[in-house]
Amino acid sequence: MPGRFWPHYSYYNLNTKQIETLQAFFDCNLQLKLCAQQLNIHRHTLSYRLNKIRELTGYDPQYFDDAVVLKMACSLR
């Protein structure tokens, strides 16, 4: 899977809403409930968005190791 080797490339496949969701998720220390409250969305909606990010990038933001890679990609952007 290309995302496993080039996270920054896969990261650019995300739209603005997905990037904002990812940033908020990191700001909330990977806590679903807190992040959903901050974004003013239902936590199931947040889970759906995070799953879509996983599908597009090959990295699951809910797993720490993958979240670190995605956070680095966010920082490099």
PDB file of N, CA and C in Angstrom:
ATOM      1  N   MET A   1       0.845  -1.174   0.000  1.00  0.00           N
ATOM      2  CA  MET A   1       0.000   0.000   0.000  1.00  0.00           C
ATOM      3  C   MET A   1       0.893   1.242   0.000  1.00  0.00           C
ATOM      4  N   PRO A   2       0.693   2.184  -0.921  1.00  0.00           N
ATOM      5  CA  PRO A   2       1.555   3.344  -1.019  1.00  0.00           C
ATOM      6  C   PRO A   2       1.568   4.199   0.242  1.00  0.00           C
ATOM      7  N   GLY A   3       0.450   4.293   0.949  1.00  0.00           N
ATOM      8  CA  GLY A   3       0.383   5.116   2.151  1.00  0.00           C
ATOM      9  C   GLY A   3       1.353   4.682   3.234  1.00  0.00           C
ATOM     10  N   ARG A   4       1.709   3.399   3.243  1.00  0.00           N
ATOM     11  CA  ARG A   4       2.609   2.910   4.275  1.00  0.00           C
ATOM     12  C   ARG A   4       4.019   3.463   4.088  1.00  0.00           C
ATOM     13  N   PHE A   5       4.380   3.837   2.882  1.00  0.00           N
ATOM     14  CA  PHE A   5       5.729   4.333   2.633  1.00  0.00           C
ATOM     15  C   PHE A   5       5.776   5.842   2.425  1.00  0.00           C
ATOM     16  N   TRP A   6       4.689   6.412   2.011  1.00  0.00           N
ATOM     17  CA  TRP A   6       4.656   7.842   1.719  1.00  0.00           C
ATOM     18  C   TRP A   6       3.469   8.509   2.398  1.00  0.00           C
ATOM     19  N   PRO A   7       3.496   8.613   3.728  1.00  0.00           N
ATOM     20  CA  PRO A   7       2.337   9.175   4.428  1.00  0.00           C
ATOM     21  C   PRO A   7       2.052  10.612   4.017  1.00  0.00           C
ATOM     22  N   HIS A   8       3.091  11.390   3.736  1.00  0.00           N
ATOM     23  CA  HIS A   8       2.856  12.781   3.363  1.00  0.00           C
ATOM     24  C   HIS A   8       2.128  12.858   2.024  1.00  0.00           C
ATOM     25  N   TYR A   9       2.397  11.916   1.112  1.00  0.00           N
ATOM     26  CA  TYR A   9       1.698  11.874  -0.173  1.00  0.00           C
ATOM     27  C   TYR A   9       0.231  11.515   0.051  1.00  0.00           C
ATOM     28  N   SER A  10      -0.025  10.505   0.850  1.00  0.00           N
ATOM     29  CA  SER A  10      -1.395  10.081   1.136  1.00  0.00           C
ATOM     30  C   SER A  10      -2.161  11.176   1.865  1.00  0.00           C
ATOM     31  N   TYR A  11      -1.456  11.907   2.687  1.00  0.00           N
ATOM     32  CA  TYR A  11      -2.065  12.975   3.465  1.00  0.00           C
ATOM     33  C   TYR A  11      -2.688  14.022   2.542  1.00  0.00           C
ATOM     34  N   TYR A  12      -2.068  14.270   1.406  1.00  0.00           N
ATOM     35  CA  TYR A  12      -2.585  15.267   0.471  1.00  0.00           C
ATOM     36  C   TYR A  12      -3.861  14.826  -0.223  1.00  0.00           C
ATOM     37  N   ASN A  13      -4.247  13.562  -0.074  1.00  0.00           N
ATOM     38  CA  ASN A  13      -5.516  13.079  -0.622  1.00  0.00           C
ATOM     39  C   ASN A  13      -6.697  13.510   0.235  1.00  0.00           C
ATOM     40  N   LEU A  14      -6.430  14.047   1.407  1.00  0.00           N
ATOM     41  CA  LEU A  14      -7.497  14.424   2.330  1.00  0.00           C
ATOM     42  C   LEU A  14      -8.054  15.797   1.977  1.00  0.00           C
ATOM     43  N   ASN A  15      -9.367  15.957   2.186  1.00  0.00           N
ATOM     44  CA  ASN A  15      -9.963  17.278   1.960  1.00  0.00           C
ATOM     45  C   ASN A  15      -9.830  18.124   3.224  1.00  0.00           C
ATOM     46  N   THR A  16     -10.243  19.368   3.139  1.00  0.00           N
ATOM     47  CA  THR A  16     -10.081  20.313   4.252  1.00  0.00           C
ATOM     48  C   THR A  16     -10.788  19.840   5.513  1.00  0.00           C
ATOM     49  N   LYS A  17     -12.004  19.321   5.379  1.00  0.00           N
ATOM     50  CA  LYS A  17     -12.754  18.861   6.550  1.00  0.00           C
ATOM     51  C   LYS A  17     -12.038  17.694   7.228  1.00  0.00           C
ATOM     52  N   GLN A  18     -11.472  16.794   6.444  1.00  0.00           N
ATOM     53  CA  GLN A  18     -10.755  15.651   7.010  1.00  0.00           C
ATOM     54  C   GLN A  18      -9.484  16.097   7.721  1.00  0.00           C
ATOM     55  N   ILE A  19      -8.795  17.060   7.157  1.00  0.00           N
ATOM     56  CA  ILE A  19      -7.581  17.577   7.799  1.00  0.00           C
ATOM     57  C   ILE A  19      -7.932  18.288   9.099  1.00  0.00           C
ATOM     58  N   GLU A  20      -8.990  19.087   9.086  1.00  0.00           N
ATOM     59  CA  GLU A  20      -9.435  19.766  10.307  1.00  0.00           C
ATOM     60  C   GLU A  20      -9.854  18.753  11.367  1.00  0.00           C
ATOM     61  N   THR A  21     -10.515  17.692  10.956  1.00  0.00           N
ATOM     62  CA  THR A  21     -10.918  16.630  11.884  1.00  0.00           C
ATOM     63  C   THR A  21      -9.691  15.977  12.494  1.00  0.00           C
ATOM     64  N   LEU A  22      -8.721  15.679  11.671  1.00  0.00           N
ATOM     65  CA  LEU A  22      -7.490  15.049  12.142  1.00  0.00           C
ATOM     66  C   LEU A  22      -6.753  15.953  13.121  1.00  0.00           C
ATOM     67  N   GLN A  23      -6.647  17.232  12.806  1.00  0.00           N
ATOM     68  CA  GLN A  23      -5.974  18.180  13.704  1.00  0.00           C
ATOM     69  C   GLN A  23      -6.709  18.270  15.048  1.00  0.00           C
ATOM     70  N   ALA A  24      -8.029  18.338  14.995  1.00  0.00           N
ATOM     71  CA  ALA A  24      -8.817  18.403  16.239  1.00  0.00           C
ATOM     72  C   ALA A  24      -8.629  17.130  17.055  1.00  0.00           C
ATOM     73  N   PHE A  25      -8.596  15.989  16.390  1.00  0.00           N
ATOM     74  CA  PHE A  25      -8.409  14.710  17.074  1.00  0.00           C
ATOM     75  C   PHE A  25      -7.065  14.694  17.800  1.00  0.00           C
ATOM     76  N   PHE A  26      -6.029  15.217  17.165  1.00  0.00           N
ATOM     77  CA  PHE A  26      -4.724  15.296  17.819  1.00  0.00           C
ATOM     78  C   PHE A  26      -4.747  16.303  18.967  1.00  0.00           C
ATOM     79  N   ASP A  27      -5.414  17.438  18.768  1.00  0.00           N
ATOM     80  CA  ASP A  27      -5.514  18.452  19.824  1.00  0.00           C
ATOM     81  C   ASP A  27      -6.228  17.907  21.058  1.00  0.00           C
ATOM     82  N   CYS A  28      -7.105  16.937  20.858  1.00  0.00           N
ATOM     83  CA  CYS A  28      -7.862  16.323  21.962  1.00  0.00           C
ATOM     84  C   CYS A  28      -7.199  15.045  22.465  1.00  0.00           C
ATOM     85  N   ASN A  29      -5.930  14.859  22.124  1.00  0.00           N
ATOM     86  CA  ASN A  29      -5.159  13.698  22.586  1.00  0.00           C
ATOM     87  C   ASN A  29      -5.827  12.365  22.245  1.00  0.00           C
ATOM     88  N   LEU A  30      -6.365  12.276  21.041  1.00  0.00           N
ATOM     89  CA  LEU A  30      -6.959  11.049  20.504  1.00  0.00           C
ATOM     90  C   LEU A  30      -8.195  10.602  21.281  1.00  0.00           C
ATOM     91  N   GLN A  31      -8.865  11.525  21.948  1.00  0.00           N
ATOM     92  CA  GLN A  31     -10.070  11.200  22.716  1.00  0.00           C
ATOM     93  C   GLN A  31     -11.316  11.489  21.861  1.00  0.00           C
ATOM     94  N   LEU A  32     -12.026  10.438  21.496  1.00  0.00           N
ATOM     95  CA  LEU A  32     -13.181  10.566  20.608  1.00  0.00           C
ATOM     96  C   LEU A  32     -14.260  11.501  21.158  1.00  0.00           C
ATOM     97  N   LYS A  33     -14.668  11.280  22.375  1.00  0.00           N
ATOM     98  CA  LYS A  33     -15.769  12.053  22.949  1.00  0.00           C
ATOM     99  C   LYS A  33     -15.427  13.540  23.019  1.00  0.00           C
ATOM    100  N   LEU A  34     -14.250  13.839  23.508  1.00  0.00           N
ATOM    101  CA  LEU A  34     -13.821  15.230  23.631  1.00  0.00           C
ATOM    102  C   LEU A  34     -13.715  15.896  22.258  1.00  0.00           C
ATOM    103  N   CYS A  35     -13.159  15.179  21.307  1.00  0.00           N
ATOM    104  CA  CYS A  35     -13.012  15.716  19.958  1.00  0.00           C
ATOM    105  C   CYS A  35     -14.368  15.959  19.312  1.00  0.00           C
ATOM    106  N   ALA A  36     -15.282  15.017  19.458  1.00  0.00           N
ATOM    107  CA  ALA A  36     -16.621  15.182  18.889  1.00  0.00           C
ATOM    108  C   ALA A  36     -17.310  16.412  19.492  1.00  0.00           C
ATOM    109  N   GLN A  37     -17.125  16.620  20.790  1.00  0.00           N
ATOM    110  CA  GLN A  37     -17.700  17.798  21.431  1.00  0.00           C
ATOM    111  C   GLN A  37     -17.073  19.077  20.882  1.00  0.00           C
ATOM    112  N   GLN A  38     -15.770  19.057  20.701  1.00  0.00           N
ATOM    113  CA  GLN A  38     -15.063  20.241  20.193  1.00  0.00           C
ATOM    114  C   GLN A  38     -15.521  20.578  18.766  1.00  0.00           C
ATOM    115  N   LEU A  39     -15.714  19.546  17.950  1.00  0.00           N
ATOM    116  CA  LEU A  39     -16.151  19.751  16.565  1.00  0.00           C
ATOM    117  C   LEU A  39     -17.661  19.953  16.451  1.00  0.00           C
ATOM    118  N   ASN A  40     -18.364  19.752  17.576  1.00  0.00           N
ATOM    119  CA  ASN A  40     -19.815  19.868  17.624  1.00  0.00           C
ATOM    120  C   ASN A  40     -20.490  18.890  16.661  1.00  0.00           C
ATOM    121  N   ILE A  41     -20.015  17.637  16.700  1.00  0.00           N
ATOM    122  CA  ILE A  41     -20.591  16.566  15.889  1.00  0.00           C
ATOM    123  C   ILE A  41     -20.815  15.353  16.789  1.00  0.00           C
ATOM    124  N   HIS A  42     -21.598  14.410  16.332  1.00  0.00           N
ATOM    125  CA  HIS A  42     -21.818  13.167  17.067  1.00  0.00           C
ATOM    126  C   HIS A  42     -20.545  12.329  16.990  1.00  0.00           C
ATOM    127  N   ARG A  43     -20.270  11.555  18.021  1.00  0.00           N
ATOM    128  CA  ARG A  43     -19.035  10.771  18.010  1.00  0.00           C
ATOM    129  C   ARG A  43     -19.038   9.701  16.922  1.00  0.00           C
ATOM    130  N   HIS A  44     -20.202   9.258  16.485  1.00  0.00           N
ATOM    131  CA  HIS A  44     -20.274   8.300  15.376  1.00  0.00           C
ATOM    132  C   HIS A  44     -19.858   8.981  14.071  1.00  0.00           C
ATOM    133  N   THR A  45     -20.206  10.242  13.927  1.00  0.00           N
ATOM    134  CA  THR A  45     -19.771  11.017  12.761  1.00  0.00           C
ATOM    135  C   THR A  45     -18.255  11.148  12.775  1.00  0.00           C
ATOM    136  N   LEU A  46     -17.697  11.393  13.949  1.00  0.00           N
ATOM    137  CA  LEU A  46     -16.243  11.472  14.080  1.00  0.00           C
ATOM    138  C   LEU A  46     -15.605  10.138  13.723  1.00  0.00           C
ATOM    139  N   SER A  47     -16.161   9.054  14.217  1.00  0.00           N
ATOM    140  CA  SER A  47     -15.627   7.726  13.893  1.00  0.00           C
ATOM    141  C   SER A  47     -15.675   7.472  12.387  1.00  0.00           C
ATOM    142  N   TYR A  48     -16.758   7.884  11.753  1.00  0.00           N
ATOM    143  CA  TYR A  48     -16.886   7.729  10.306  1.00  0.00           C
ATOM    144  C   TYR A  48     -15.783   8.503   9.590  1.00  0.00           C
ATOM    145  N   ARG A  49     -15.563   9.744  10.010  1.00  0.00           N
ATOM    146  CA  ARG A  49     -14.515  10.564   9.382  1.00  0.00           C
ATOM    147  C   ARG A  49     -13.128   9.949   9.577  1.00  0.00           C
ATOM    148  N   LEU A  50     -12.863   9.452  10.780  1.00  0.00           N
ATOM    149  CA  LEU A  50     -11.554   8.843  11.050  1.00  0.00           C
ATOM    150  C   LEU A  50     -11.370   7.572  10.233  1.00  0.00           C
ATOM    151  N   ASN A  51     -12.433   6.802  10.061  1.00  0.00           N
ATOM    152  CA  ASN A  51     -12.355   5.600   9.225  1.00  0.00           C
ATOM    153  C   ASN A  51     -12.102   5.965   7.766  1.00  0.00           C
ATOM    154  N   LYS A  52     -12.710   7.052   7.305  1.00  0.00           N
ATOM    155  CA  LYS A  52     -12.483   7.513   5.932  1.00  0.00           C
ATOM    156  C   LYS A  52     -11.024   7.942   5.751  1.00  0.00           C
ATOM    157  N   ILE A  53     -10.465   8.604   6.748  1.00  0.00           N
ATOM    158  CA  ILE A  53      -9.051   8.995   6.714  1.00  0.00           C
ATOM    159  C   ILE A  53      -8.178   7.749   6.630  1.00  0.00           C
ATOM    160  N   ARG A  54      -8.539   6.716   7.391  1.00  0.00           N
ATOM    161  CA  ARG A  54      -7.792   5.451   7.350  1.00  0.00           C
ATOM    162  C   ARG A  54      -7.850   4.840   5.952  1.00  0.00           C
ATOM    163  N   GLU A  55      -9.035   4.852   5.345  1.00  0.00           N
ATOM    164  CA  GLU A  55      -9.181   4.300   3.998  1.00  0.00           C
ATOM    165  C   GLU A  55      -8.339   5.057   2.974  1.00  0.00           C
ATOM    166  N   LEU A  56      -8.289   6.371   3.101  1.00  0.00           N
ATOM    167  CA  LEU A  56      -7.573   7.198   2.123  1.00  0.00           C
ATOM    168  C   LEU A  56      -6.061   7.169   2.297  1.00  0.00           C
ATOM    169  N   THR A  57      -5.595   7.056   3.548  1.00  0.00           N
ATOM    170  CA  THR A  57      -4.155   7.155   3.802  1.00  0.00           C
ATOM    171  C   THR A  57      -3.493   5.817   4.084  1.00  0.00           C
ATOM    172  N   GLY A  58      -4.268   4.841   4.552  1.00  0.00           N
ATOM    173  CA  GLY A  58      -3.674   3.578   4.978  1.00  0.00           C
ATOM    174  C   GLY A  58      -3.183   3.632   6.420  1.00  0.00           C
ATOM    175  N   TYR A  59      -3.413   4.756   7.082  1.00  0.00           N
ATOM    176  CA  TYR A  59      -3.022   4.924   8.481  1.00  0.00           C
ATOM    177  C   TYR A  59      -4.268   5.166   9.319  1.00  0.00           C
ATOM    178  N   ASP A  60      -4.370   4.466  10.447  1.00  0.00           N
ATOM    179  CA  ASP A  60      -5.530   4.595  11.320  1.00  0.00           C
ATOM    180  C   ASP A  60      -5.195   5.569  12.448  1.00  0.00           C
ATOM    181  N   PRO A  61      -5.806   6.753  12.460  1.00  0.00           N
ATOM    182  CA  PRO A  61      -5.482   7.747  13.482  1.00  0.00           C
ATOM    183  C   PRO A  61      -5.852   7.318  14.900  1.00  0.00           C
ATOM    184  N   GLN A  62      -6.622   6.235  15.048  1.00  0.00           N
ATOM    185  CA  GLN A  62      -6.987   5.772  16.384  1.00  0.00           C
ATOM    186  C   GLN A  62      -5.932   4.861  16.996  1.00  0.00           C
ATOM    187  N   TYR A  63      -4.945   4.465  16.210  1.00  0.00           N
ATOM    188  CA  TYR A  63      -3.822   3.666  16.717  1.00  0.00           C
ATOM    189  C   TYR A  63      -2.609   4.571  16.853  1.00  0.00           C
ATOM    190  N   PHE A  64      -1.986   4.510  18.005  1.00  0.00           N
ATOM    191  CA  PHE A  64      -0.928   5.454  18.338  1.00  0.00           C
ATOM    192  C   PHE A  64       0.182   5.512  17.289  1.00  0.00           C
ATOM    193  N   ASP A  65       0.712   4.365  16.874  1.00  0.00           N
ATOM    194  CA  ASP A  65       1.816   4.361  15.906  1.00  0.00           C
ATOM    195  C   ASP A  65       1.423   5.044  14.603  1.00  0.00           C
ATOM    196  N   ASP A  66       0.224   4.753  14.129  1.00  0.00           N
ATOM    197  CA  ASP A  66      -0.251   5.399  12.909  1.00  0.00           C
ATOM    198  C   ASP A  66      -0.533   6.881  13.141  1.00  0.00           C
ATOM    199  N   ALA A  67      -1.049   7.208  14.314  1.00  0.00           N
ATOM    200  CA  ALA A  67      -1.344   8.606  14.643  1.00  0.00           C
ATOM    201  C   ALA A  67      -0.062   9.441  14.644  1.00  0.00           C
ATOM    202  N   VAL A  68       1.036   8.858  15.123  1.00  0.00           N
ATOM    203  CA  VAL A  68       2.321   9.575  15.139  1.00  0.00           C
ATOM    204  C   VAL A  68       2.734   9.909  13.708  1.00  0.00           C
ATOM    205  N   VAL A  69       2.591   8.975  12.811  1.00  0.00           N
ATOM    206  CA  VAL A  69       2.966   9.202  11.407  1.00  0.00           C
ATOM    207  C   VAL A  69       2.067  10.288  10.799  1.00  0.00           C
ATOM    208  N   LEU A  70       0.771  10.212  11.070  1.00  0.00           N
ATOM    209  CA  LEU A  70      -0.149  11.226  10.535  1.00  0.00           C
ATOM    210  C   LEU A  70       0.132  12.599  11.132  1.00  0.00           C
ATOM    211  N   LYS A  71       0.464  12.634  12.406  1.00  0.00           N
ATOM    212  CA  LYS A  71       0.788  13.912  13.056  1.00  0.00           C
ATOM    213  C   LYS A  71       2.032  14.520  12.424  1.00  0.00           C
ATOM    214  N   MET A  72       3.016  13.699  12.135  1.00  0.00           N
ATOM    215  CA  MET A  72       4.222  14.187  11.469  1.00  0.00           C
ATOM    216  C   MET A  72       3.879  14.732  10.088  1.00  0.00           C
ATOM    217  N   ALA A  73       3.017  14.039   9.365  1.00  0.00           N
ATOM    218  CA  ALA A  73       2.601  14.495   8.045  1.00  0.00           C
ATOM    219  C   ALA A  73       1.873  15.838   8.150  1.00  0.00           C
ATOM    220  N   CYS A  74       1.057  15.991   9.195  1.00  0.00           N
ATOM    221  CA  CYS A  74       0.369  17.275   9.418  1.00  0.00           C
ATOM    222  C   CYS A  74       1.380  18.389   9.673  1.00  0.00           C
ATOM    223  N   SER A  75       2.383  18.081  10.441  1.00  0.00           N
ATOM    224  CA  SER A  75       3.403  19.071  10.778  1.00  0.00           C
ATOM    225  C   SER A  75       4.225  19.475   9.564  1.00  0.00           C
ATOM    226  N   LEU A  76       4.456  18.531   8.652  1.00  0.00           N
ATOM    227  CA  LEU A  76       5.255  18.811   7.462  1.00  0.00           C
ATOM    228  C   LEU A  76       4.474  19.577   6.413  1.00  0.00           C
ATOM    229  N   ARG A  77       3.193  19.585   6.522  1.00  0.00           N
ATOM    230  CA  ARG A  77       2.347  20.245   5.539  1.00  0.00           C
ATOM    231  C   ARG A  77       2.524  21.692   5.636  1.00  0.00           C
TER     232      ARG A  77
END
